[in-house]
Amino acid sequence: MIIFNDKNPSTNVFCLKNLQSLQLINTNLSLLPDISNLKNLELLQIESTYTLTKHYIPPEIGELARLSGLILRNIYNLTYLPDEIGQLQRLQSLTLAQLPSLQNIPSISMDNLTKLRTLSLEDIPK
């Protein structure tokens, strides 16, 4: 499911247990609702979001056991990524790009990310 240019996206989408792909692009999402229900999610993309009031991706992201692709791009207020990203054992592609407020990159245990094939880091603060 692609939600593009929606200034007020419905949080009901986060209840769709069989959803496999969720792309939130150019939305006015103020916080990422509970994503732990999205057990079948394989791709999560959050891009061009400038309005996050909670400046983090929730640690429940580690519960998305089927997630193989994670793209976080151009999220102005994102300051924190949880260590739980390291629990995503099926993750094959991770993109962190244009996150000007990011203050940490988690100490991800690469031992768990054995399927990771693509890691893209661009315009990440030092």
C-alpha atoms as a PDB file:
ATOM      1  CA  MET A   1       0.000   0.000   0.000  1.00  0.00           C
ATOM      2  CA  ILE A   2       1.358   3.377  -0.991  1.00  0.00           C
ATOM      3  CA  ILE A   3       0.195   6.461   0.854  1.00  0.00           C
ATOM      4  CA  PHE A   4       1.502   9.456  -1.066  1.00  0.00           C
ATOM      5  CA  ASN A   5       0.892  13.150  -0.447  1.00  0.00           C
ATOM      6  CA  ASP A   6      -1.751  12.380   2.158  1.00  0.00           C
ATOM      7  CA  LYS A   7      -1.681  15.187   4.670  1.00  0.00           C
ATOM      8  CA  ASN A   8      -3.807  13.279   7.176  1.00  0.00           C
ATOM      9  CA  PRO A   9      -3.186   9.534   6.712  1.00  0.00           C
ATOM     10  CA  SER A  10      -5.553   7.190   8.494  1.00  0.00           C
ATOM     11  CA  THR A  11      -4.044   5.135  11.283  1.00  0.00           C
ATOM     12  CA  ASN A  12      -6.408   2.284  10.355  1.00  0.00           C
ATOM     13  CA  VAL A  13      -3.814   1.077   7.879  1.00  0.00           C
ATOM     14  CA  PHE A  14      -1.716  -0.061  10.846  1.00  0.00           C
ATOM     15  CA  CYS A  15      -4.397  -2.631  11.701  1.00  0.00           C
ATOM     16  CA  LEU A  16      -4.127  -4.480   8.369  1.00  0.00           C
ATOM     17  CA  LYS A  17      -2.506  -7.692   9.582  1.00  0.00           C
ATOM     18  CA  ASN A  18      -1.923  -9.123   6.091  1.00  0.00           C
ATOM     19  CA  LEU A  19      -0.331  -5.984   4.650  1.00  0.00           C
ATOM     20  CA  GLN A  20       2.989  -6.819   2.990  1.00  0.00           C
ATOM     21  CA  SER A  21       4.163  -3.401   1.843  1.00  0.00           C
ATOM     22  CA  LEU A  22       3.654   0.008   3.410  1.00  0.00           C
ATOM     23  CA  GLN A  23       5.111   3.119   1.825  1.00  0.00           C
ATOM     24  CA  LEU A  24       4.416   6.426   3.536  1.00  0.00           C
ATOM     25  CA  ILE A  25       5.716   9.153   1.256  1.00  0.00           C
ATOM     26  CA  ASN A  26       5.292  12.895   1.764  1.00  0.00           C
ATOM     27  CA  THR A  27       2.746  12.602   4.546  1.00  0.00           C
ATOM     28  CA  ASN A  28       2.091  14.734   7.603  1.00  0.00           C
ATOM     29  CA  LEU A  29       2.513  11.777   9.897  1.00  0.00           C
ATOM     30  CA  SER A  30       3.113  13.160  13.375  1.00  0.00           C
ATOM     31  CA  LEU A  31       3.977   9.810  14.927  1.00  0.00           C
ATOM     32  CA  LEU A  32       4.301   6.260  13.761  1.00  0.00           C
ATOM     33  CA  PRO A  33       1.440   4.311  15.351  1.00  0.00           C
ATOM     34  CA  ASP A  34       1.884   0.849  16.813  1.00  0.00           C
ATOM     35  CA  ILE A  35       3.341  -1.221  13.985  1.00  0.00           C
ATOM     36  CA  SER A  36       3.510  -4.507  15.876  1.00  0.00           C
ATOM     37  CA  ASN A  37       0.240  -5.675  14.250  1.00  0.00           C
ATOM     38  CA  LEU A  38       1.838  -5.680  10.807  1.00  0.00           C
ATOM     39  CA  LYS A  39       3.229  -9.202  11.194  1.00  0.00           C
ATOM     40  CA  ASN A  40       3.307  -9.891   7.432  1.00  0.00           C
ATOM     41  CA  LEU A  41       4.999  -6.639   6.454  1.00  0.00           C
ATOM     42  CA  GLU A  42       7.948  -7.188   4.125  1.00  0.00           C
ATOM     43  CA  LEU A  43       8.669  -3.584   3.104  1.00  0.00           C
ATOM     44  CA  LEU A  44       8.413  -0.446   5.206  1.00  0.00           C
ATOM     45  CA  GLN A  45       9.287   2.859   3.569  1.00  0.00           C
ATOM     46  CA  ILE A  46       8.917   6.200   5.302  1.00  0.00           C
ATOM     47  CA  GLU A  47      10.028   9.096   3.166  1.00  0.00           C
ATOM     48  CA  SER A  48       9.734  12.882   3.055  1.00  0.00           C
ATOM     49  CA  THR A  49       8.035  13.243   6.407  1.00  0.00           C
ATOM     50  CA  TYR A  50       8.706  16.522   8.160  1.00  0.00           C
ATOM     51  CA  THR A  51       6.158  16.510  10.964  1.00  0.00           C
ATOM     52  CA  LEU A  52       7.158  13.735  13.352  1.00  0.00           C
ATOM     53  CA  THR A  53       6.533  14.871  16.903  1.00  0.00           C
ATOM     54  CA  LYS A  54       7.892  11.632  18.330  1.00  0.00           C
ATOM     55  CA  HIS A  55      11.401  11.752  16.989  1.00  0.00           C
ATOM     56  CA  TYR A  56      11.994   8.019  16.772  1.00  0.00           C
ATOM     57  CA  ILE A  57      11.033   4.794  15.090  1.00  0.00           C
ATOM     58  CA  PRO A  58       9.304   2.657  17.728  1.00  0.00           C
ATOM     59  CA  PRO A  59      11.214  -0.335  19.103  1.00  0.00           C
ATOM     60  CA  GLU A  60       8.303  -2.570  18.053  1.00  0.00           C
ATOM     61  CA  ILE A  61       9.888  -2.556  14.616  1.00  0.00           C
ATOM     62  CA  GLY A  62      11.919  -5.503  15.905  1.00  0.00           C
ATOM     63  CA  GLU A  63       8.701  -7.551  16.005  1.00  0.00           C
ATOM     64  CA  LEU A  64       8.279  -7.379  12.215  1.00  0.00           C
ATOM     65  CA  ALA A  65       9.842 -10.778  11.630  1.00  0.00           C
ATOM     66  CA  ARG A  66       9.122 -10.841   7.873  1.00  0.00           C
ATOM     67  CA  LEU A  67      10.526  -7.391   7.117  1.00  0.00           C
ATOM     68  CA  SER A  68      13.072  -7.668   4.311  1.00  0.00           C
ATOM     69  CA  GLY A  69      13.281  -4.013   3.265  1.00  0.00           C
ATOM     70  CA  LEU A  70      13.461  -0.876   5.407  1.00  0.00           C
ATOM     71  CA  ILE A  71      13.799   2.564   3.834  1.00  0.00           C
ATOM     72  CA  LEU A  72      13.971   5.679   5.993  1.00  0.00           C
ATOM     73  CA  ARG A  73      14.650   8.694   3.804  1.00  0.00           C
ATOM     74  CA  ASN A  74      14.300  12.445   4.200  1.00  0.00           C
ATOM     75  CA  ILE A  75      12.699  12.425   7.646  1.00  0.00           C
ATOM     76  CA  TYR A  76      13.661  15.780   9.074  1.00  0.00           C
ATOM     77  CA  ASN A  77      12.872  15.243  12.787  1.00  0.00           C
ATOM     78  CA  LEU A  78      14.043  11.652  13.181  1.00  0.00           C
ATOM     79  CA  THR A  79      16.679  11.599  15.928  1.00  0.00           C
ATOM     80  CA  TYR A  80      16.634   8.001  17.166  1.00  0.00           C
ATOM     81  CA  LEU A  81      16.719   4.525  15.657  1.00  0.00           C
ATOM     82  CA  PRO A  82      16.118   1.608  18.003  1.00  0.00           C
ATOM     83  CA  ASP A  83      18.595  -1.203  18.585  1.00  0.00           C
ATOM     84  CA  GLU A  84      15.713  -3.567  17.771  1.00  0.00           C
ATOM     85  CA  ILE A  85      16.479  -3.081  14.078  1.00  0.00           C
ATOM     86  CA  GLY A  86      19.154  -5.687  14.767  1.00  0.00           C
ATOM     87  CA  GLN A  87      16.414  -8.256  15.445  1.00  0.00           C
ATOM     88  CA  LEU A  88      15.183  -8.145  11.835  1.00  0.00           C
ATOM     89  CA  GLN A  89      16.705 -11.452  10.776  1.00  0.00           C
ATOM     90  CA  ARG A  90      15.096 -11.402   7.302  1.00  0.00           C
ATOM     91  CA  LEU A  91      16.239  -7.861   6.509  1.00  0.00           C
ATOM     92  CA  GLN A  92      17.911  -7.830   3.090  1.00  0.00           C
ATOM     93  CA  SER A  93      18.003  -4.110   2.341  1.00  0.00           C
ATOM     94  CA  LEU A  94      18.443  -1.170   4.712  1.00  0.00           C
ATOM     95  CA  THR A  95      18.469   2.431   3.490  1.00  0.00           C
ATOM     96  CA  LEU A  96      19.097   5.355   5.828  1.00  0.00           C
ATOM     97  CA  ALA A  97      19.293   8.565   3.830  1.00  0.00           C
ATOM     98  CA  GLN A  98      18.922  12.289   4.377  1.00  0.00           C
ATOM     99  CA  LEU A  99      18.208  12.122   8.089  1.00  0.00           C
ATOM    100  CA  PRO A 100      19.692  15.459   9.205  1.00  0.00           C
ATOM    101  CA  SER A 101      18.607  15.224  12.866  1.00  0.00           C
ATOM    102  CA  LEU A 102      19.710  11.632  13.451  1.00  0.00           C
ATOM    103  CA  GLN A 103      21.808  11.425  16.612  1.00  0.00           C
ATOM    104  CA  ASN A 104      22.493   7.723  16.684  1.00  0.00           C
ATOM    105  CA  ILE A 105      22.875   4.742  14.468  1.00  0.00           C
ATOM    106  CA  PRO A 106      22.123   1.768  16.677  1.00  0.00           C
ATOM    107  CA  SER A 107      24.804  -0.705  17.530  1.00  0.00           C
ATOM    108  CA  ILE A 108      23.184  -3.311  15.328  1.00  0.00           C
ATOM    109  CA  SER A 109      24.469  -6.797  15.850  1.00  0.00           C
ATOM    110  CA  MET A 110      25.478  -7.865  12.360  1.00  0.00           C
ATOM    111  CA  ASP A 111      25.431 -11.457  13.576  1.00  0.00           C
ATOM    112  CA  ASN A 112      21.622 -11.343  13.386  1.00  0.00           C
ATOM    113  CA  LEU A 113      21.466  -9.627   9.994  1.00  0.00           C
ATOM    114  CA  THR A 114      22.814 -12.563   8.011  1.00  0.00           C
ATOM    115  CA  LYS A 115      20.503 -11.890   5.041  1.00  0.00           C
ATOM    116  CA  LEU A 116      21.448  -8.211   4.667  1.00  0.00           C
ATOM    117  CA  ARG A 117      22.647  -7.677   1.098  1.00  0.00           C
ATOM    118  CA  THR A 118      22.273  -3.923   0.623  1.00  0.00           C
ATOM    119  CA  LEU A 119      23.177  -1.235   3.133  1.00  0.00           C
ATOM    120  CA  SER A 120      22.817   2.343   1.946  1.00  0.00           C
ATOM    121  CA  LEU A 121      23.830   5.233   4.206  1.00  0.00           C
ATOM    122  CA  GLU A 122      23.771   8.718   2.738  1.00  0.00           C
ATOM    123  CA  ASP A 123      23.723  12.193   4.222  1.00  0.00           C
ATOM    124  CA  ILE A 124      23.822  10.909   7.791  1.00  0.00           C
ATOM    125  CA  PRO A 125      25.270  13.301  10.405  1.00  0.00           C
ATOM    126  CA  LYS A 126      28.610  12.370  11.923  1.00  0.00           C
END
